[in-house]
């Protein structure tokens, strides 16, 4: 009975928040660009100021990761993200082409249902809130059951800051009663226009099954290829640091090394110096048995240090170990450690030459990482470009970290905690999701060429003279000149009329 009551309360909460969000978004639709930016800047600053406390809360509540690293993710999703998108126009006419007679007008999606994961709960909530509100949407966060408290606090901090800056109350909210029926009710609610889902594959499939537009991004199985031309010392330093970062809970973290044989022994020794502990066969078997539940990562093992894993599963590792490396032979179910491991365990393969390394990387990508990401360490530009051209992934990260490179911290890709895997990975886009994905574009298009005479024909006719008269359909009149200033004036009048209609 108690479980049923909780389900009903969760369903009711989803309905209430969706209605409040719809009402707030209708008000926010009339906000100017300056008002939108003032509100978003206030939320970004508040989130950045609270980054340390929220990082600590997330680590304590979920038991995943490293608080100091979560601070960096929070700053990426607040201050760095805002610096990236603050000058992006999202209100009214955002661009025009006088020569083609077109004006692009940004139009928000409406109410966004945002499903957030336990692995990156506070940073993902910050990120989704900022890009949603920047595009004049309302947003309701539905957190993972393991991360409710830290998610609620994140949204409270941001919502209060936004409301102080003039944001309508209810535009940004977070569900507090999390049940599967409640989350399903939110996604299916008539006022929800878009689903923004980040998390496990089952959750992403559920988001796509609702029948509404959805950006759903799930797991990755990221290989890192180290070529004989690479800066081996830097590659070793970066791979270990990236795998150890927040105990490997970011989906773009390196999951398996593919080392070019001529430099494999050197890479191994350099990685050991950085804190990589190479497991023996017995330890690898223990990890393979315990790190997965079926084909999915075991939640009990996610985001754990090598020492925590050792304590949990009855083996020992030295205090200096930052990650555990297991040497593997196969890819697929027969060798579970070849899959995505959301913890500090890294696979290891060797390949003779970049062509063989390329093939091994493809096998790893096909085993749970299609469309996501790949890391390559090399100086040979031909090898780098071959990997870029041939791999079915949408982030090829060169001589950098998987974790911080894919999310935009150390590279020029858009700062994001939601990384698209494209059509090959079951997603609608391969982009790093950002503000551009959260508004539609209306287009005003003026005539720039007249229709051919044949288009004015009254229809089919048996009269031979009429058929001859309308046979010159390829003749076009010269385009009339368009005065950009006149169009600007007309567009302003149109926008005013639209807003007047919306206020009625």
Protein backbone atom coordinates (compact mmCIF):
# COMPACT_ATOMS: atom_id res chain seq x y z
CA UNK A 1 0.00 0.00 0.00
CA UNK A 2 2.81 2.42 0.90
CA UNK A 3 4.48 1.79 -2.48
CA UNK A 4 1.19 2.46 -4.28
CA UNK A 5 0.70 5.67 -2.32
CA UNK A 6 4.19 6.79 -3.24
CA UNK A 7 3.51 6.09 -6.91
CA UNK A 8 0.31 8.14 -6.77
CA UNK A 9 2.05 11.01 -5.01
CA UNK A 10 4.83 10.95 -7.60
CA UNK A 11 2.30 10.98 -10.44
CA UNK A 12 0.47 13.90 -8.89
CA UNK A 13 3.71 15.79 -8.38
CA UNK A 14 4.59 15.32 -12.05
CA UNK A 15 1.19 16.68 -13.10
CA UNK A 16 1.42 19.66 -10.77
CA UNK A 17 4.93 20.62 -11.84
CA UNK A 18 4.05 20.23 -15.52
CA UNK A 19 1.07 22.57 -15.16
CA UNK A 20 3.10 25.13 -13.22
CA UNK A 21 5.89 24.91 -15.80
CA UNK A 22 3.46 25.43 -18.69
CA UNK A 23 1.97 28.52 -17.03
CA UNK A 24 5.39 29.96 -16.22
CA UNK A 25 6.70 29.30 -19.71
CA UNK A 26 3.76 31.14 -21.29
CA UNK A 27 4.80 34.19 -19.27
CA UNK A 28 8.47 33.70 -20.05
CA UNK A 29 7.72 33.55 -23.76
CA UNK A 30 7.52 37.35 -23.75
CA UNK A 31 10.91 37.86 -22.07
CA UNK A 32 13.45 39.96 -23.92
CA UNK A 33 16.95 38.71 -24.68
CA UNK A 34 18.31 40.96 -21.93
CA UNK A 35 15.86 39.51 -19.40
CA UNK A 36 16.66 35.93 -20.40
CA UNK A 37 20.39 36.56 -20.15
CA UNK A 38 20.10 38.30 -16.78
CA UNK A 39 18.22 35.33 -15.36
CA UNK A 40 20.61 32.75 -16.81
CA UNK A 41 23.68 34.63 -15.63
CA UNK A 42 22.26 34.75 -12.11
CA UNK A 43 21.59 31.01 -12.14
CA UNK A 44 25.02 30.20 -13.57
CA UNK A 45 26.74 32.29 -10.90
CA UNK A 46 24.68 30.77 -8.10
CA UNK A 47 25.47 27.26 -9.33
CA UNK A 48 29.18 28.06 -9.59
CA UNK A 49 29.19 29.54 -6.08
CA UNK A 50 27.57 26.37 -4.73
CA UNK A 51 29.77 23.98 -6.73
CA UNK A 52 31.81 22.69 -3.80
CA UNK A 53 28.87 22.04 -1.51
CA UNK A 54 26.86 20.38 -4.29
CA UNK A 55 29.83 18.22 -5.27
CA UNK A 56 30.19 17.02 -1.69
CA UNK A 57 26.46 16.30 -1.46
CA UNK A 58 26.53 14.28 -4.70
CA UNK A 59 29.48 12.16 -3.58
CA UNK A 60 27.95 11.50 -0.15
CA UNK A 61 24.49 10.65 -1.46
CA UNK A 62 25.51 8.42 -4.37
CA UNK A 63 28.78 7.01 -3.04
CA UNK A 64 30.27 7.66 -6.48
CA UNK A 65 33.39 9.51 -7.45
CA UNK A 66 35.66 12.21 -6.09
CA UNK A 67 34.22 15.46 -4.66
CA UNK A 68 37.12 17.59 -5.94
CA UNK A 69 36.53 16.31 -9.46
CA UNK A 70 32.80 16.88 -9.20
CA UNK A 71 33.56 20.53 -8.44
CA UNK A 72 35.26 20.81 -11.85
CA UNK A 73 32.25 19.24 -13.56
CA UNK A 74 29.96 21.68 -11.77
CA UNK A 75 32.07 24.62 -12.90
CA UNK A 76 32.07 23.28 -16.46
CA UNK A 77 28.27 23.10 -16.34
CA UNK A 78 27.80 26.56 -14.86
CA UNK A 79 30.52 29.17 -15.42
CA UNK A 80 32.23 27.62 -18.46
CA UNK A 81 28.93 26.77 -20.12
CA UNK A 82 27.56 30.26 -19.56
CA UNK A 83 30.70 31.84 -21.00
CA UNK A 84 30.16 29.66 -24.09
CA UNK A 85 26.47 30.42 -24.69
CA UNK A 86 25.92 33.87 -23.18
CA UNK A 87 26.28 35.67 -26.51
CA UNK A 88 24.08 33.21 -28.39
CA UNK A 89 20.88 34.94 -29.55
CA UNK A 90 17.77 32.97 -28.61
CA UNK A 91 14.96 35.56 -28.68
CA UNK A 92 13.16 36.88 -31.76
CA UNK A 93 15.09 37.30 -35.01
CA UNK A 94 18.43 35.55 -34.47
CA UNK A 95 19.77 35.96 -38.03
CA UNK A 96 18.70 37.15 -41.46
CA UNK A 97 19.80 36.91 -45.07
CA UNK A 98 18.60 39.96 -47.06
CA UNK A 99 19.78 38.48 -50.36
CA UNK A 100 17.56 35.44 -49.89
CA UNK A 101 14.79 37.35 -48.15
CA UNK A 102 14.77 35.09 -45.07
CA UNK A 103 14.58 35.80 -41.36
CA UNK A 104 15.18 33.11 -38.72
CA UNK A 105 13.12 33.50 -35.53
CA UNK A 106 13.91 31.41 -32.45
CA UNK A 107 10.95 29.68 -30.85
CA UNK A 108 11.21 27.66 -27.62
CA UNK A 109 10.22 24.01 -27.38
CA UNK A 110 8.01 24.65 -24.32
CA UNK A 111 8.27 22.43 -21.24
CA UNK A 112 11.33 20.17 -21.10
CA UNK A 113 11.39 16.98 -19.02
CA UNK A 114 15.03 16.40 -18.04
CA UNK A 115 16.07 12.97 -16.81
CA UNK A 116 19.41 13.12 -15.00
CA UNK A 117 21.82 10.34 -13.93
CA UNK A 118 23.27 9.33 -10.58
CA UNK A 119 26.82 9.46 -11.97
CA UNK A 120 26.84 13.20 -12.75
CA UNK A 121 23.71 14.45 -10.99
CA UNK A 122 24.43 18.05 -10.02
CA UNK A 123 26.48 18.98 -13.09
CA UNK A 124 23.88 17.53 -15.47
CA UNK A 125 21.05 19.35 -13.69
CA UNK A 126 22.97 22.64 -13.94
CA UNK A 127 23.77 22.08 -17.58
CA UNK A 128 20.26 21.19 -18.68
CA UNK A 129 18.69 24.02 -16.71
CA UNK A 130 20.93 26.67 -18.26
CA UNK A 131 20.50 25.57 -21.87
CA UNK A 132 16.74 25.14 -21.42
CA UNK A 133 16.11 28.55 -19.88
CA UNK A 134 18.51 30.31 -22.28
CA UNK A 135 16.21 29.04 -25.05
CA UNK A 136 13.12 30.31 -23.11
CA UNK A 137 11.88 26.88 -22.08
CA UNK A 138 10.58 25.66 -18.76
CA UNK A 139 12.35 22.62 -17.31
CA UNK A 140 11.43 19.91 -14.83
CA UNK A 141 14.29 17.72 -13.61
CA UNK A 142 13.51 14.10 -12.80
CA UNK A 143 16.63 12.88 -10.96
CA UNK A 144 17.88 9.35 -10.55
CA UNK A 145 16.54 7.77 -7.32
CA UNK A 146 20.11 7.54 -5.99
CA UNK A 147 20.65 11.31 -6.36
CA UNK A 148 17.43 13.03 -5.31
CA UNK A 149 18.69 15.23 -2.46
CA UNK A 150 21.67 16.74 -4.29
CA UNK A 151 19.56 17.29 -7.41
CA UNK A 152 16.80 19.05 -5.45
CA UNK A 153 19.38 21.30 -3.81
CA UNK A 154 20.98 22.13 -7.17
CA UNK A 155 17.65 23.16 -8.66
CA UNK A 156 16.67 25.07 -5.52
CA UNK A 157 19.86 27.14 -5.70
CA UNK A 158 19.38 27.91 -9.38
CA UNK A 159 15.61 28.51 -9.26
CA UNK A 160 15.86 30.93 -6.35
CA UNK A 161 18.63 32.86 -8.11
CA UNK A 162 16.63 32.98 -11.32
CA UNK A 163 13.45 34.10 -9.58
CA UNK A 164 15.33 36.89 -7.80
CA UNK A 165 16.45 38.02 -11.26
CA UNK A 166 12.87 38.05 -12.57
CA UNK A 167 12.23 34.48 -13.70
CA UNK A 168 8.59 33.31 -13.35
CA UNK A 169 8.12 30.94 -10.43
CA UNK A 170 7.70 27.35 -11.58
CA UNK A 171 9.80 27.73 -14.73
CA UNK A 172 12.58 25.62 -13.14
CA UNK A 173 11.68 22.76 -10.82
CA UNK A 174 12.72 19.30 -9.66
CA UNK A 175 10.68 16.24 -8.75
CA UNK A 176 11.15 15.18 -5.13
CA UNK A 177 9.14 11.94 -5.17
CA UNK A 178 10.83 9.69 -7.69
CA UNK A 179 9.11 6.55 -8.85
CA UNK A 180 8.96 4.91 -12.25
CA UNK A 181 5.24 5.70 -12.71
CA UNK A 182 5.88 9.31 -11.70
CA UNK A 183 8.71 9.75 -14.17
CA UNK A 184 6.64 8.10 -16.90
CA UNK A 185 3.77 10.45 -16.14
CA UNK A 186 6.09 13.42 -16.49
CA UNK A 187 7.42 12.26 -19.85
CA UNK A 188 3.93 11.52 -21.19
CA UNK A 189 2.26 14.65 -19.81
CA UNK A 190 0.46 16.71 -22.45
CA UNK A 191 2.32 19.87 -21.49
CA UNK A 192 5.78 18.31 -21.90
CA UNK A 193 7.11 19.08 -25.36
CA UNK A 194 10.61 17.58 -25.24
CA UNK A 195 12.48 14.92 -23.27
CA UNK A 196 16.16 15.44 -22.52
CA UNK A 197 17.42 12.12 -21.16
CA UNK A 198 20.92 11.32 -19.92
CA UNK A 199 21.69 8.03 -18.20
CA UNK A 200 21.62 4.29 -18.64
CA UNK A 201 20.50 2.58 -21.84
CA UNK A 202 17.22 1.36 -20.33
CA UNK A 203 16.23 4.87 -19.28
CA UNK A 204 17.15 6.31 -22.65
CA UNK A 205 15.08 3.67 -24.44
CA UNK A 206 12.13 4.53 -22.20
CA UNK A 207 12.49 8.22 -23.14
CA UNK A 208 12.47 7.39 -26.84
CA UNK A 209 9.45 5.11 -26.48
CA UNK A 210 7.12 7.85 -25.21
CA UNK A 211 6.39 9.12 -28.71
CA UNK A 212 7.63 12.68 -28.14
CA UNK A 213 10.74 14.44 -29.40
CA UNK A 214 13.65 13.26 -27.29
CA UNK A 215 17.37 13.77 -27.02
CA UNK A 216 18.45 10.52 -25.46
CA UNK A 217 22.10 9.73 -24.87
CA UNK A 218 23.34 6.72 -23.01
CA UNK A 219 26.48 4.66 -22.50
CA UNK A 220 29.78 4.70 -24.32
CA UNK A 221 32.60 2.18 -24.57
CA UNK A 222 35.47 4.49 -25.42
CA UNK A 223 38.73 3.00 -26.71
CA UNK A 224 42.00 4.93 -26.59
CA UNK A 225 44.52 4.05 -29.27
CA UNK A 226 48.17 4.92 -28.59
CA UNK A 227 50.19 4.99 -31.80
CA UNK A 228 53.94 4.46 -32.11
CA UNK A 229 54.18 8.12 -33.16
CA UNK A 230 52.59 9.39 -29.93
CA UNK A 231 54.15 11.35 -27.12
CA UNK A 232 54.13 8.23 -24.94
CA UNK A 233 54.82 9.99 -21.65
CA UNK A 234 51.96 12.44 -22.15
CA UNK A 235 49.65 9.64 -23.30
CA UNK A 236 50.39 7.64 -20.13
CA UNK A 237 49.82 10.66 -17.88
CA UNK A 238 46.55 11.62 -19.58
CA UNK A 239 45.08 8.11 -19.76
CA UNK A 240 45.62 7.37 -16.07
CA UNK A 241 44.41 10.81 -14.97
CA UNK A 242 41.33 10.60 -17.18
CA UNK A 243 40.40 7.10 -16.05
CA UNK A 244 40.88 8.08 -12.40
CA UNK A 245 38.91 11.33 -12.82
CA UNK A 246 35.83 11.16 -10.59
CA UNK A 247 36.47 7.41 -10.46
CA UNK A 248 35.44 7.01 -14.10
CA UNK A 249 31.74 7.90 -13.98
CA UNK A 250 31.72 10.08 -17.13
CA UNK A 251 30.51 8.13 -20.17
CA UNK A 252 33.39 9.50 -22.29
CA UNK A 253 36.05 8.03 -19.99
CA UNK A 254 38.57 5.71 -21.63
CA UNK A 255 37.44 2.10 -21.18
CA UNK A 256 40.21 0.18 -22.95
CA UNK A 257 43.72 0.99 -24.14
CA UNK A 258 44.78 -0.27 -27.55
CA UNK A 259 48.58 0.04 -27.53
CA UNK A 260 50.72 -0.13 -30.67
CA UNK A 261 53.10 -3.05 -30.05
CA UNK A 262 56.42 -1.22 -30.55
CA UNK A 263 55.58 1.17 -27.71
CA UNK A 264 53.34 -1.06 -25.56
CA UNK A 265 55.97 -2.01 -22.98
CA UNK A 266 57.10 1.61 -22.60
CA UNK A 267 53.50 2.78 -22.25
CA UNK A 268 52.86 0.14 -19.58
CA UNK A 269 55.85 1.24 -17.50
CA UNK A 270 54.96 4.92 -17.82
CA UNK A 271 51.36 4.23 -16.82
CA UNK A 272 52.56 2.32 -13.78
CA UNK A 273 54.59 5.37 -12.79
CA UNK A 274 51.37 7.42 -13.00
CA UNK A 275 49.45 5.06 -10.70
CA UNK A 276 48.19 2.26 -12.94
CA UNK A 277 48.18 -1.12 -11.19
CA UNK A 278 48.25 -4.01 -13.67
CA UNK A 279 46.10 -6.88 -12.39
CA UNK A 280 47.00 -10.54 -12.60
CA UNK A 281 44.68 -13.08 -14.20
CA UNK A 282 43.00 -14.06 -10.92
CA UNK A 283 42.15 -10.46 -10.04
CA UNK A 284 40.83 -9.85 -13.57
CA UNK A 285 38.49 -12.83 -13.22
CA UNK A 286 37.16 -11.51 -9.91
CA UNK A 287 36.51 -8.11 -11.47
CA UNK A 288 34.87 -9.60 -14.55
CA UNK A 289 32.53 -11.55 -12.30
CA UNK A 290 31.54 -8.63 -10.09
CA UNK A 291 31.56 -5.41 -12.14
CA UNK A 292 28.45 -6.25 -14.14
CA UNK A 293 24.84 -7.23 -13.58
CA UNK A 294 23.90 -8.88 -16.82
CA UNK A 295 25.26 -6.55 -19.51
CA UNK A 296 25.07 -3.41 -17.33
CA UNK A 297 27.60 -1.98 -14.86
CA UNK A 298 26.96 -3.12 -11.29
CA UNK A 299 25.73 -0.03 -9.37
CA UNK A 300 27.63 -1.21 -6.29
CA UNK A 301 30.93 -1.02 -8.19
CA UNK A 302 30.30 2.24 -10.06
CA UNK A 303 32.55 5.17 -9.21
CA UNK A 304 34.80 3.32 -6.78
CA UNK A 305 38.54 3.64 -6.18
CA UNK A 306 40.83 0.62 -6.67
CA UNK A 307 41.11 0.33 -2.89
CA UNK A 308 37.33 0.29 -2.46
CA UNK A 309 36.99 -2.38 -5.15
CA UNK A 310 39.67 -4.45 -3.45
CA UNK A 311 37.91 -4.24 -0.11
CA UNK A 312 34.56 -5.14 -1.69
CA UNK A 313 35.81 -8.15 -3.64
CA UNK A 314 38.53 -9.62 -1.43
CA UNK A 315 41.83 -8.78 -3.10
CA UNK A 316 44.51 -6.20 -2.41
CA UNK A 317 46.03 -3.31 -4.32
CA UNK A 318 48.73 -0.87 -3.21
CA UNK A 319 47.80 2.50 -1.76
CA UNK A 320 49.39 4.28 -4.73
CA UNK A 321 47.05 2.64 -7.25
CA UNK A 322 44.78 5.15 -9.00
CA UNK A 323 43.37 2.68 -11.53
CA UNK A 324 43.47 -1.07 -12.21
CA UNK A 325 44.46 -2.30 -15.67
CA UNK A 326 43.38 -5.74 -16.89
CA UNK A 327 45.02 -7.32 -19.92
CA UNK A 328 42.34 -8.76 -22.18
CA UNK A 329 42.26 -11.00 -25.24
CA UNK A 330 38.74 -10.82 -26.65
CA UNK A 331 35.93 -8.31 -27.12
CA UNK A 332 32.36 -9.24 -26.29
CA UNK A 333 30.36 -11.20 -23.70
CA UNK A 334 33.10 -13.82 -23.38
CA UNK A 335 35.30 -11.09 -21.87
CA UNK A 336 32.97 -8.76 -19.90
CA UNK A 337 35.75 -6.31 -19.04
CA UNK A 338 35.81 -5.29 -22.71
CA UNK A 339 32.56 -3.39 -22.08
CA UNK A 340 31.88 -0.04 -20.45
CA UNK A 341 33.17 -0.02 -16.88
CA UNK A 342 31.93 2.98 -14.91
CA UNK A 343 34.68 2.50 -12.37
CA UNK A 344 38.47 2.61 -12.10
CA UNK A 345 39.15 -0.52 -14.18
CA UNK A 346 40.72 -0.20 -17.62
CA UNK A 347 41.08 -2.86 -20.31
CA UNK A 348 44.36 -3.37 -22.18
CA UNK A 349 45.00 -4.67 -25.70
CA UNK A 350 48.01 -4.62 -27.99
CA UNK A 351 47.93 -4.27 -31.77
CA UNK A 352 50.70 -4.31 -34.35
CA UNK A 353 50.27 -1.13 -36.37
CA UNK A 354 47.49 1.40 -36.67
CA UNK A 355 45.45 -0.72 -39.09
CA UNK A 356 45.25 -3.55 -36.55
CA UNK A 357 44.63 -0.98 -33.81
CA UNK A 358 41.87 0.50 -35.91
CA UNK A 359 40.17 -2.89 -36.18
CA UNK A 360 40.37 -3.50 -32.42
CA UNK A 361 38.91 -0.08 -31.73
CA UNK A 362 36.02 -0.83 -34.09
CA UNK A 363 35.31 -4.04 -32.20
CA UNK A 364 35.21 -2.15 -28.90
CA UNK A 365 32.98 0.58 -30.34
CA UNK A 366 30.60 -2.02 -31.72
CA UNK A 367 30.40 -3.60 -28.26
CA UNK A 368 28.39 -0.87 -26.58
CA UNK A 369 29.95 2.35 -27.82
CA UNK A 370 28.61 3.04 -31.30
CA UNK A 371 28.41 6.73 -32.05
CA UNK A 372 29.97 7.93 -28.81
CA UNK A 373 33.68 8.76 -28.59
CA UNK A 374 37.22 7.60 -29.26
CA UNK A 375 40.59 8.91 -28.05
CA UNK A 376 43.78 8.76 -30.09
CA UNK A 377 47.32 9.65 -29.06
CA UNK A 378 49.53 10.15 -32.13
CA UNK A 379 51.70 12.66 -33.95
CA UNK A 380 51.25 11.07 -37.37
CA UNK A 381 48.55 13.19 -39.01
CA UNK A 382 47.69 10.47 -41.51
CA UNK A 383 46.90 8.03 -38.70
CA UNK A 384 44.86 10.67 -36.87
CA UNK A 385 42.84 11.48 -39.97
CA UNK A 386 42.25 7.80 -40.78
CA UNK A 387 40.77 7.32 -37.33
CA UNK A 388 38.70 10.46 -37.73
CA UNK A 389 37.32 9.41 -41.10
CA UNK A 390 36.64 5.75 -40.40
CA UNK A 391 35.37 5.39 -36.84
CA UNK A 392 31.57 5.36 -36.28
CA UNK A 393 31.76 7.83 -33.39
CA UNK A 394 31.09 11.57 -33.22
CA UNK A 395 33.89 12.73 -30.94
CA UNK A 396 37.43 11.81 -31.96
CA UNK A 397 39.64 13.31 -29.26
CA UNK A 398 43.27 13.83 -30.20
CA UNK A 399 46.10 13.92 -27.65
CA UNK A 400 43.80 14.83 -24.77
CA UNK A 401 41.66 13.32 -22.02
CA UNK A 402 38.51 11.36 -22.81
CA UNK A 403 36.64 12.74 -19.80
CA UNK A 404 37.54 16.40 -20.09
CA UNK A 405 38.00 16.44 -23.86
CA UNK A 406 34.59 15.11 -24.83
CA UNK A 407 32.79 17.42 -22.41
CA UNK A 408 34.57 20.51 -23.75
CA UNK A 409 36.88 21.24 -20.83
CA UNK A 410 40.16 20.69 -22.71
CA UNK A 411 38.91 20.93 -26.32
CA UNK A 412 36.92 23.29 -28.49
CA UNK A 413 33.74 21.19 -28.60
CA UNK A 414 30.66 22.64 -26.91
CA UNK A 415 30.68 22.27 -23.11
CA UNK A 416 28.10 19.58 -22.43
CA UNK A 417 27.09 16.81 -20.05
CA UNK A 418 24.86 15.22 -22.70
CA UNK A 419 26.87 13.70 -25.55
CA UNK A 420 24.93 12.59 -28.61
CA UNK A 421 25.72 9.26 -30.24
CA UNK A 422 24.00 9.93 -33.57
CA UNK A 423 21.92 7.59 -35.65
CA UNK A 424 24.43 4.73 -35.36
CA UNK A 425 24.07 4.95 -31.58
CA UNK A 426 20.30 5.25 -31.50
CA UNK A 427 20.19 9.02 -30.94
CA UNK A 428 18.82 11.83 -33.10
CA UNK A 429 22.13 13.76 -33.11
CA UNK A 430 25.83 13.16 -32.65
CA UNK A 431 26.39 16.65 -31.26
CA UNK A 432 27.30 17.71 -27.80
CA UNK A 433 23.82 18.86 -26.80
CA UNK A 434 23.65 22.60 -26.22
CA UNK A 435 21.26 25.55 -26.36
CA UNK A 436 20.90 25.28 -30.15
CA UNK A 437 19.09 21.96 -29.72
CA UNK A 438 16.43 23.43 -27.43
CA UNK A 439 14.70 25.87 -29.72
CA UNK A 440 13.03 25.56 -33.08
CA UNK A 441 13.44 28.09 -35.87
CA UNK A 442 10.57 29.81 -37.62
CA UNK A 443 11.42 31.29 -41.00
CA UNK A 444 9.97 34.34 -42.64
CA UNK A 445 10.62 33.98 -46.34
CA UNK A 446 9.87 36.75 -48.87
CA UNK A 447 9.49 36.20 -52.58
CA UNK A 448 12.79 36.65 -54.38
CA UNK A 449 11.79 35.20 -57.77
CA UNK A 450 8.44 35.04 -59.49
CA UNK A 451 6.76 31.80 -60.40
CA UNK A 452 6.95 30.68 -64.04
CA UNK A 453 3.98 31.35 -66.27
CA UNK A 454 3.10 27.66 -66.30
CA UNK A 455 2.38 27.80 -62.57
CA UNK A 456 -0.52 30.15 -63.26
CA UNK A 457 -2.17 27.71 -65.69
CA UNK A 458 -5.80 26.93 -64.84
CA UNK A 459 -5.17 23.20 -65.13
CA UNK A 460 -5.19 20.55 -67.83
CA UNK A 461 -6.93 21.48 -71.09
CA UNK A 462 -7.64 19.89 -74.42
CA UNK A 463 -7.29 23.23 -76.22
CA UNK A 464 -4.05 23.07 -78.29
CA UNK A 465 -3.67 26.86 -78.29
CA UNK A 466 -3.84 27.00 -74.48
CA UNK A 467 -1.32 24.18 -74.19
CA UNK A 468 1.07 26.15 -76.38
CA UNK A 469 0.45 29.32 -74.33
CA UNK A 470 1.49 27.59 -71.07
CA UNK A 471 4.45 25.66 -72.45
CA UNK A 472 7.03 28.30 -71.46
CA UNK A 473 7.33 27.15 -67.83
CA UNK A 474 11.09 27.52 -67.63
CA UNK A 475 11.00 31.29 -67.98
CA UNK A 476 11.59 33.17 -64.71
CA UNK A 477 11.21 36.83 -64.08
CA UNK A 478 14.18 38.68 -62.65
CA UNK A 479 14.16 38.76 -58.80
CA UNK A 480 12.94 41.99 -57.36
CA UNK A 481 15.43 43.89 -55.22
CA UNK A 482 14.78 43.60 -51.49
CA UNK A 483 15.42 46.50 -49.18
CA UNK A 484 16.71 45.05 -45.92
CA UNK A 485 15.53 48.06 -43.93
CA UNK A 486 11.97 47.64 -45.21
CA UNK A 487 11.98 43.96 -44.26
CA UNK A 488 13.26 44.81 -40.79
CA UNK A 489 10.35 47.16 -40.28
CA UNK A 490 7.87 44.58 -41.54
CA UNK A 491 9.32 41.86 -39.31
CA UNK A 492 9.07 44.10 -36.27
CA UNK A 493 5.40 44.71 -37.00
CA UNK A 494 4.76 40.99 -37.49
CA UNK A 495 6.46 40.10 -34.21
CA UNK A 496 4.42 42.75 -32.39
CA UNK A 497 1.19 41.34 -33.81
CA UNK A 498 2.17 37.77 -32.82
CA UNK A 499 2.91 38.83 -29.27
CA UNK A 500 -0.39 40.73 -29.06
CA UNK A 501 -2.22 37.57 -30.17
CA UNK A 502 -0.39 35.48 -27.55
CA UNK A 503 -1.39 37.88 -24.79
CA UNK A 504 -5.09 37.52 -25.58
